[in-house]
Amino acid sequence: MYLFDTDILSNLVKKKPSPYLVERLRGIPQDKQYISSITIGEIVYGAFKSDQKEKYLIQLKDKVAVHGFW
């Protein structure tokens, strides 16, 4: 089981995410990837503080919806 924190998710939405991180995540089956409600709350909070709120909320919805949480 892999529980992602806010830093991991934030890195993935950067223009240039860490190549090491992206490669590592490719090796983790989706059914073993988890996001806590606290992390989702932190990402939503950060999105609302950003001047690109809609962009980040859409990215979150698209990524989390894949896992069935949204």
PDB file of N, CA and C in Angstrom:
ATOM      1  N   MET A   1       0.846  -1.179   0.000  1.00  0.00           N
ATOM      2  CA  MET A   1       0.000   0.000   0.000  1.00  0.00           C
ATOM      3  C   MET A   1       0.889   1.239   0.000  1.00  0.00           C
ATOM      4  N   TYR A   2       0.513   2.232  -0.806  1.00  0.00           N
ATOM      5  CA  TYR A   2       1.222   3.502  -0.878  1.00  0.00           C
ATOM      6  C   TYR A   2       0.226   4.619  -0.619  1.00  0.00           C
ATOM      7  N   LEU A   3       0.463   5.355   0.457  1.00  0.00           N
ATOM      8  CA  LEU A   3      -0.386   6.483   0.812  1.00  0.00           C
ATOM      9  C   LEU A   3       0.346   7.755   0.419  1.00  0.00           C
ATOM     10  N   PHE A   4      -0.180   8.452  -0.585  1.00  0.00           N
ATOM     11  CA  PHE A   4       0.490   9.644  -1.101  1.00  0.00           C
ATOM     12  C   PHE A   4       0.210  10.852  -0.227  1.00  0.00           C
ATOM     13  N   ASP A   5       1.238  11.649  -0.023  1.00  0.00           N
ATOM     14  CA  ASP A   5       1.064  12.886   0.733  1.00  0.00           C
ATOM     15  C   ASP A   5       0.959  14.070  -0.228  1.00  0.00           C
ATOM     16  N   THR A   6       0.756  15.234   0.337  1.00  0.00           N
ATOM     17  CA  THR A   6       0.550  16.441  -0.454  1.00  0.00           C
ATOM     18  C   THR A   6       1.763  16.760  -1.325  1.00  0.00           C
ATOM     19  N   ASP A   7       2.958  16.562  -0.799  1.00  0.00           N
ATOM     20  CA  ASP A   7       4.169  16.871  -1.567  1.00  0.00           C
ATOM     21  C   ASP A   7       4.269  16.024  -2.836  1.00  0.00           C
ATOM     22  N   ILE A   8       3.903  14.769  -2.733  1.00  0.00           N
ATOM     23  CA  ILE A   8       3.963  13.884  -3.905  1.00  0.00           C
ATOM     24  C   ILE A   8       2.978  14.364  -4.970  1.00  0.00           C
ATOM     25  N   LEU A   9       1.758  14.637  -4.554  1.00  0.00           N
ATOM     26  CA  LEU A   9       0.745  15.077  -5.523  1.00  0.00           C
ATOM     27  C   LEU A   9       1.099  16.430  -6.120  1.00  0.00           C
ATOM     28  N   SER A  10       1.637  17.316  -5.309  1.00  0.00           N
ATOM     29  CA  SER A  10       2.030  18.637  -5.805  1.00  0.00           C
ATOM     30  C   SER A  10       3.141  18.512  -6.839  1.00  0.00           C
ATOM     31  N   ASN A  11       4.055  17.603  -6.601  1.00  0.00           N
ATOM     32  CA  ASN A  11       5.144  17.404  -7.543  1.00  0.00           C
ATOM     33  C   ASN A  11       4.625  16.920  -8.892  1.00  0.00           C
ATOM     34  N   LEU A  12       3.617  16.080  -8.873  1.00  0.00           N
ATOM     35  CA  LEU A  12       3.102  15.494 -10.111  1.00  0.00           C
ATOM     36  C   LEU A  12       2.404  16.507 -11.019  1.00  0.00           C
ATOM     37  N   VAL A  13       1.914  17.611 -10.465  1.00  0.00           N
ATOM     38  CA  VAL A  13       1.228  18.596 -11.300  1.00  0.00           C
ATOM     39  C   VAL A  13       2.152  19.724 -11.755  1.00  0.00           C
ATOM     40  N   LYS A  14       3.419  19.652 -11.387  1.00  0.00           N
ATOM     41  CA  LYS A  14       4.387  20.646 -11.849  1.00  0.00           C
ATOM     42  C   LYS A  14       4.611  20.490 -13.352  1.00  0.00           C
ATOM     43  N   LYS A  15       5.116  21.561 -13.960  1.00  0.00           N
ATOM     44  CA  LYS A  15       5.442  21.472 -15.392  1.00  0.00           C
ATOM     45  C   LYS A  15       6.486  20.395 -15.649  1.00  0.00           C
ATOM     46  N   LYS A  16       7.416  20.239 -14.731  1.00  0.00           N
ATOM     47  CA  LYS A  16       8.447  19.209 -14.852  1.00  0.00           C
ATOM     48  C   LYS A  16       8.482  18.387 -13.568  1.00  0.00           C
ATOM     49  N   PRO A  17       7.584  17.402 -13.449  1.00  0.00           N
ATOM     50  CA  PRO A  17       7.616  16.556 -12.249  1.00  0.00           C
ATOM     51  C   PRO A  17       8.912  15.751 -12.204  1.00  0.00           C
ATOM     52  N   SER A  18       9.250  15.296 -11.039  1.00  0.00           N
ATOM     53  CA  SER A  18      10.455  14.500 -10.858  1.00  0.00           C
ATOM     54  C   SER A  18      10.387  13.243 -11.724  1.00  0.00           C
ATOM     55  N   PRO A  19      11.351  13.059 -12.626  1.00  0.00           N
ATOM     56  CA  PRO A  19      11.335  11.847 -13.464  1.00  0.00           C
ATOM     57  C   PRO A  19      11.455  10.576 -12.615  1.00  0.00           C
ATOM     58  N   TYR A  20      12.211  10.654 -11.533  1.00  0.00           N
ATOM     59  CA  TYR A  20      12.350   9.498 -10.647  1.00  0.00           C
ATOM     60  C   TYR A  20      11.000   9.144 -10.030  1.00  0.00           C
ATOM     61  N   LEU A  21      10.274  10.164  -9.571  1.00  0.00           N
ATOM     62  CA  LEU A  21       8.963   9.941  -8.960  1.00  0.00           C
ATOM     63  C   LEU A  21       7.982   9.341  -9.965  1.00  0.00           C
ATOM     64  N   VAL A  22       7.922   9.916 -11.148  1.00  0.00           N
ATOM     65  CA  VAL A  22       6.999   9.425 -12.178  1.00  0.00           C
ATOM     66  C   VAL A  22       7.299   7.963 -12.506  1.00  0.00           C
ATOM     67  N   GLU A  23       8.569   7.637 -12.655  1.00  0.00           N
ATOM     68  CA  GLU A  23       8.951   6.257 -12.973  1.00  0.00           C
ATOM     69  C   GLU A  23       8.597   5.317 -11.823  1.00  0.00           C
ATOM     70  N   ARG A  24       8.840   5.752 -10.627  1.00  0.00           N
ATOM     71  CA  ARG A  24       8.517   4.914  -9.458  1.00  0.00           C
ATOM     72  C   ARG A  24       7.012   4.648  -9.363  1.00  0.00           C
ATOM     73  N   LEU A  25       6.206   5.678  -9.601  1.00  0.00           N
ATOM     74  CA  LEU A  25       4.753   5.516  -9.513  1.00  0.00           C
ATOM     75  C   LEU A  25       4.211   4.596 -10.600  1.00  0.00           C
ATOM     76  N   ARG A  26       4.866   4.572 -11.739  1.00  0.00           N
ATOM     77  CA  ARG A  26       4.431   3.667 -12.812  1.00  0.00           C
ATOM     78  C   ARG A  26       4.518   2.200 -12.384  1.00  0.00           C
ATOM     79  N   GLY A  27       5.410   1.932 -11.437  1.00  0.00           N
ATOM     80  CA  GLY A  27       5.591   0.557 -10.982  1.00  0.00           C
ATOM     81  C   GLY A  27       4.658   0.141  -9.853  1.00  0.00           C
ATOM     82  N   ILE A  28       3.819   1.065  -9.397  1.00  0.00           N
ATOM     83  CA  ILE A  28       2.899   0.763  -8.295  1.00  0.00           C
ATOM     84  C   ILE A  28       1.509   0.528  -8.872  1.00  0.00           C
ATOM     85  N   PRO A  29       0.944  -0.651  -8.671  1.00  0.00           N
ATOM     86  CA  PRO A  29      -0.398  -0.911  -9.203  1.00  0.00           C
ATOM     87  C   PRO A  29      -1.417   0.081  -8.636  1.00  0.00           C
ATOM     88  N   GLN A  30      -2.372   0.490  -9.458  1.00  0.00           N
ATOM     89  CA  GLN A  30      -3.374   1.469  -9.023  1.00  0.00           C
ATOM     90  C   GLN A  30      -4.145   1.007  -7.798  1.00  0.00           C
ATOM     91  N   ASP A  31      -4.383  -0.273  -7.693  1.00  0.00           N
ATOM     92  CA  ASP A  31      -5.151  -0.749  -6.540  1.00  0.00           C
ATOM     93  C   ASP A  31      -4.348  -0.719  -5.238  1.00  0.00           C
ATOM     94  N   LYS A  32      -3.102  -0.320  -5.320  1.00  0.00           N
ATOM     95  CA  LYS A  32      -2.251  -0.166  -4.136  1.00  0.00           C
ATOM     96  C   LYS A  32      -1.975   1.306  -3.819  1.00  0.00           C
ATOM     97  N   GLN A  33      -2.544   2.238  -4.600  1.00  0.00           N
ATOM     98  CA  GLN A  33      -2.323   3.674  -4.415  1.00  0.00           C
ATOM     99  C   GLN A  33      -3.498   4.292  -3.673  1.00  0.00           C
ATOM    100  N   TYR A  34      -3.169   5.066  -2.631  1.00  0.00           N
ATOM    101  CA  TYR A  34      -4.206   5.682  -1.804  1.00  0.00           C
ATOM    102  C   TYR A  34      -3.889   7.146  -1.535  1.00  0.00           C
ATOM    103  N   ILE A  35      -4.944   7.927  -1.317  1.00  0.00           N
ATOM    104  CA  ILE A  35      -4.832   9.343  -0.959  1.00  0.00           C
ATOM    105  C   ILE A  35      -5.750   9.558   0.241  1.00  0.00           C
ATOM    106  N   SER A  36      -5.232  10.171   1.291  1.00  0.00           N
ATOM    107  CA  SER A  36      -6.064  10.405   2.470  1.00  0.00           C
ATOM    108  C   SER A  36      -6.974  11.613   2.259  1.00  0.00           C
ATOM    109  N   SER A  37      -8.041  11.663   3.033  1.00  0.00           N
ATOM    110  CA  SER A  37      -8.943  12.811   2.958  1.00  0.00           C
ATOM    111  C   SER A  37      -8.238  14.083   3.411  1.00  0.00           C
ATOM    112  N   ILE A  38      -7.284  13.969   4.310  1.00  0.00           N
ATOM    113  CA  ILE A  38      -6.514  15.136   4.740  1.00  0.00           C
ATOM    114  C   ILE A  38      -5.696  15.683   3.579  1.00  0.00           C
ATOM    115  N   THR A  39      -5.058  14.806   2.824  1.00  0.00           N
ATOM    116  CA  THR A  39      -4.276  15.245   1.667  1.00  0.00           C
ATOM    117  C   THR A  39      -5.175  15.897   0.626  1.00  0.00           C
ATOM    118  N   ILE A  40      -6.333  15.325   0.370  1.00  0.00           N
ATOM    119  CA  ILE A  40      -7.269  15.938  -0.574  1.00  0.00           C
ATOM    120  C   ILE A  40      -7.665  17.323  -0.084  1.00  0.00           C
ATOM    121  N   GLY A  41      -7.943  17.447   1.207  1.00  0.00           N
ATOM    122  CA  GLY A  41      -8.277  18.746   1.776  1.00  0.00           C
ATOM    123  C   GLY A  41      -7.157  19.762   1.614  1.00  0.00           C
ATOM    124  N   GLU A  42      -5.919  19.332   1.819  1.00  0.00           N
ATOM    125  CA  GLU A  42      -4.779  20.235   1.651  1.00  0.00           C
ATOM    126  C   GLU A  42      -4.635  20.685   0.205  1.00  0.00           C
ATOM    127  N   ILE A  43      -4.851  19.775  -0.725  1.00  0.00           N
ATOM    128  CA  ILE A  43      -4.752  20.122  -2.148  1.00  0.00           C
ATOM    129  C   ILE A  43      -5.875  21.087  -2.532  1.00  0.00           C
ATOM    130  N   VAL A  44      -7.087  20.839  -2.076  1.00  0.00           N
ATOM    131  CA  VAL A  44      -8.212  21.741  -2.364  1.00  0.00           C
ATOM    132  C   VAL A  44      -7.945  23.118  -1.757  1.00  0.00           C
ATOM    133  N   TYR A  45      -7.473  23.145  -0.528  1.00  0.00           N
ATOM    134  CA  TYR A  45      -7.149  24.416   0.127  1.00  0.00           C
ATOM    135  C   TYR A  45      -6.101  25.186  -0.687  1.00  0.00           C
ATOM    136  N   GLY A  46      -5.041  24.487  -1.094  1.00  0.00           N
ATOM    137  CA  GLY A  46      -3.999  25.115  -1.907  1.00  0.00           C
ATOM    138  C   GLY A  46      -4.536  25.615  -3.235  1.00  0.00           C
ATOM    139  N   ALA A  47      -5.431  24.859  -3.848  1.00  0.00           N
ATOM    140  CA  ALA A  47      -6.020  25.272  -5.127  1.00  0.00           C
ATOM    141  C   ALA A  47      -6.811  26.559  -4.961  1.00  0.00           C
ATOM    142  N   PHE A  48      -7.577  26.662  -3.892  1.00  0.00           N
ATOM    143  CA  PHE A  48      -8.381  27.866  -3.674  1.00  0.00           C
ATOM    144  C   PHE A  48      -7.525  29.088  -3.381  1.00  0.00           C
ATOM    145  N   LYS A  49      -6.334  28.876  -2.849  1.00  0.00           N
ATOM    146  CA  LYS A  49      -5.415  29.995  -2.600  1.00  0.00           C
ATOM    147  C   LYS A  49      -4.682  30.413  -3.876  1.00  0.00           C
ATOM    148  N   SER A  50      -4.667  29.551  -4.871  1.00  0.00           N
ATOM    149  CA  SER A  50      -3.922  29.789  -6.103  1.00  0.00           C
ATOM    150  C   SER A  50      -4.701  30.681  -7.058  1.00  0.00           C
ATOM    151  N   ASP A  51      -3.966  31.374  -7.913  1.00  0.00           N
ATOM    152  CA  ASP A  51      -4.625  32.150  -8.964  1.00  0.00           C
ATOM    153  C   ASP A  51      -5.023  31.255 -10.142  1.00  0.00           C
ATOM    154  N   GLN A  52      -4.720  29.963 -10.051  1.00  0.00           N
ATOM    155  CA  GLN A  52      -5.108  28.986 -11.079  1.00  0.00           C
ATOM    156  C   GLN A  52      -6.022  27.927 -10.459  1.00  0.00           C
ATOM    157  N   LYS A  53      -6.959  28.383  -9.651  1.00  0.00           N
ATOM    158  CA  LYS A  53      -7.832  27.499  -8.880  1.00  0.00           C
ATOM    159  C   LYS A  53      -8.508  26.440  -9.752  1.00  0.00           C
ATOM    160  N   GLU A  54      -9.142  26.867 -10.836  1.00  0.00           N
ATOM    161  CA  GLU A  54      -9.889  25.920 -11.680  1.00  0.00           C
ATOM    162  C   GLU A  54      -8.987  24.840 -12.248  1.00  0.00           C
ATOM    163  N   LYS A  55      -7.802  25.226 -12.688  1.00  0.00           N
ATOM    164  CA  LYS A  55      -6.852  24.272 -13.260  1.00  0.00           C
ATOM    165  C   LYS A  55      -6.527  23.178 -12.245  1.00  0.00           C
ATOM    166  N   TYR A  56      -6.207  23.574 -11.022  1.00  0.00           N
ATOM    167  CA  TYR A  56      -5.814  22.602 -10.009  1.00  0.00           C
ATOM    168  C   TYR A  56      -6.988  21.749  -9.529  1.00  0.00           C
ATOM    169  N   LEU A  57      -8.151  22.333  -9.442  1.00  0.00           N
ATOM    170  CA  LEU A  57      -9.321  21.555  -9.034  1.00  0.00           C
ATOM    171  C   LEU A  57      -9.690  20.522 -10.097  1.00  0.00           C
ATOM    172  N   ILE A  58      -9.570  20.892 -11.355  1.00  0.00           N
ATOM    173  CA  ILE A  58      -9.839  19.945 -12.443  1.00  0.00           C
ATOM    174  C   ILE A  58      -8.822  18.813 -12.420  1.00  0.00           C
ATOM    175  N   GLN A  59      -7.543  19.156 -12.223  1.00  0.00           N
ATOM    176  CA  GLN A  59      -6.516  18.116 -12.147  1.00  0.00           C
ATOM    177  C   GLN A  59      -6.797  17.162 -10.990  1.00  0.00           C
ATOM    178  N   LEU A  60      -7.163  17.710  -9.859  1.00  0.00           N
ATOM    179  CA  LEU A  60      -7.470  16.863  -8.709  1.00  0.00           C
ATOM    180  C   LEU A  60      -8.656  15.958  -9.008  1.00  0.00           C
ATOM    181  N   LYS A  61      -9.704  16.535  -9.558  1.00  0.00           N
ATOM    182  CA  LYS A  61     -10.897  15.743  -9.875  1.00  0.00           C
ATOM    183  C   LYS A  61     -10.558  14.633 -10.869  1.00  0.00           C
ATOM    184  N   ASP A  62      -9.802  14.965 -11.902  1.00  0.00           N
ATOM    185  CA  ASP A  62      -9.444  13.968 -12.914  1.00  0.00           C
ATOM    186  C   ASP A  62      -8.605  12.839 -12.327  1.00  0.00           C
ATOM    187  N   LYS A  63      -7.671  13.178 -11.466  1.00  0.00           N
ATOM    188  CA  LYS A  63      -6.796  12.156 -10.890  1.00  0.00           C
ATOM    189  C   LYS A  63      -7.508  11.322  -9.829  1.00  0.00           C
ATOM    190  N   VAL A  64      -8.270  11.972  -8.986  1.00  0.00           N
ATOM    191  CA  VAL A  64      -8.935  11.249  -7.909  1.00  0.00           C
ATOM    192  C   VAL A  64     -10.120  10.460  -8.440  1.00  0.00           C
ATOM    193  N   ALA A  65     -10.796  10.975  -9.449  1.00  0.00           N
ATOM    194  CA  ALA A  65     -11.952  10.273 -10.026  1.00  0.00           C
ATOM    195  C   ALA A  65     -11.543   8.914 -10.589  1.00  0.00           C
ATOM    196  N   VAL A  66     -10.321   8.811 -11.062  1.00  0.00           N
ATOM    197  CA  VAL A  66      -9.814   7.534 -11.578  1.00  0.00           C
ATOM    198  C   VAL A  66      -9.863   6.474 -10.484  1.00  0.00           C
ATOM    199  N   HIS A  67      -9.660   6.889  -9.252  1.00  0.00           N
ATOM    200  CA  HIS A  67      -9.652   5.971  -8.134  1.00  0.00           C
ATOM    201  C   HIS A  67     -11.012   5.836  -7.473  1.00  0.00           C
ATOM    202  N   GLY A  68     -11.994   6.541  -7.974  1.00  0.00           N
ATOM    203  CA  GLY A  68     -13.329   6.392  -7.464  1.00  0.00           C
ATOM    204  C   GLY A  68     -13.678   7.183  -6.213  1.00  0.00           C
ATOM    205  N   PHE A  69     -12.856   8.155  -5.865  1.00  0.00           N
ATOM    206  CA  PHE A  69     -13.119   8.921  -4.670  1.00  0.00           C
ATOM    207  C   PHE A  69     -13.967  10.154  -4.924  1.00  0.00           C
ATOM    208  N   TRP A  70     -14.116  10.586  -6.128  1.00  0.00           N
ATOM    209  CA  TRP A  70     -14.783  11.864  -6.438  1.00  0.00           C
ATOM    210  C   TRP A  70     -16.100  11.606  -7.115  1.00  0.00           C
TER     211      TRP A  70
END
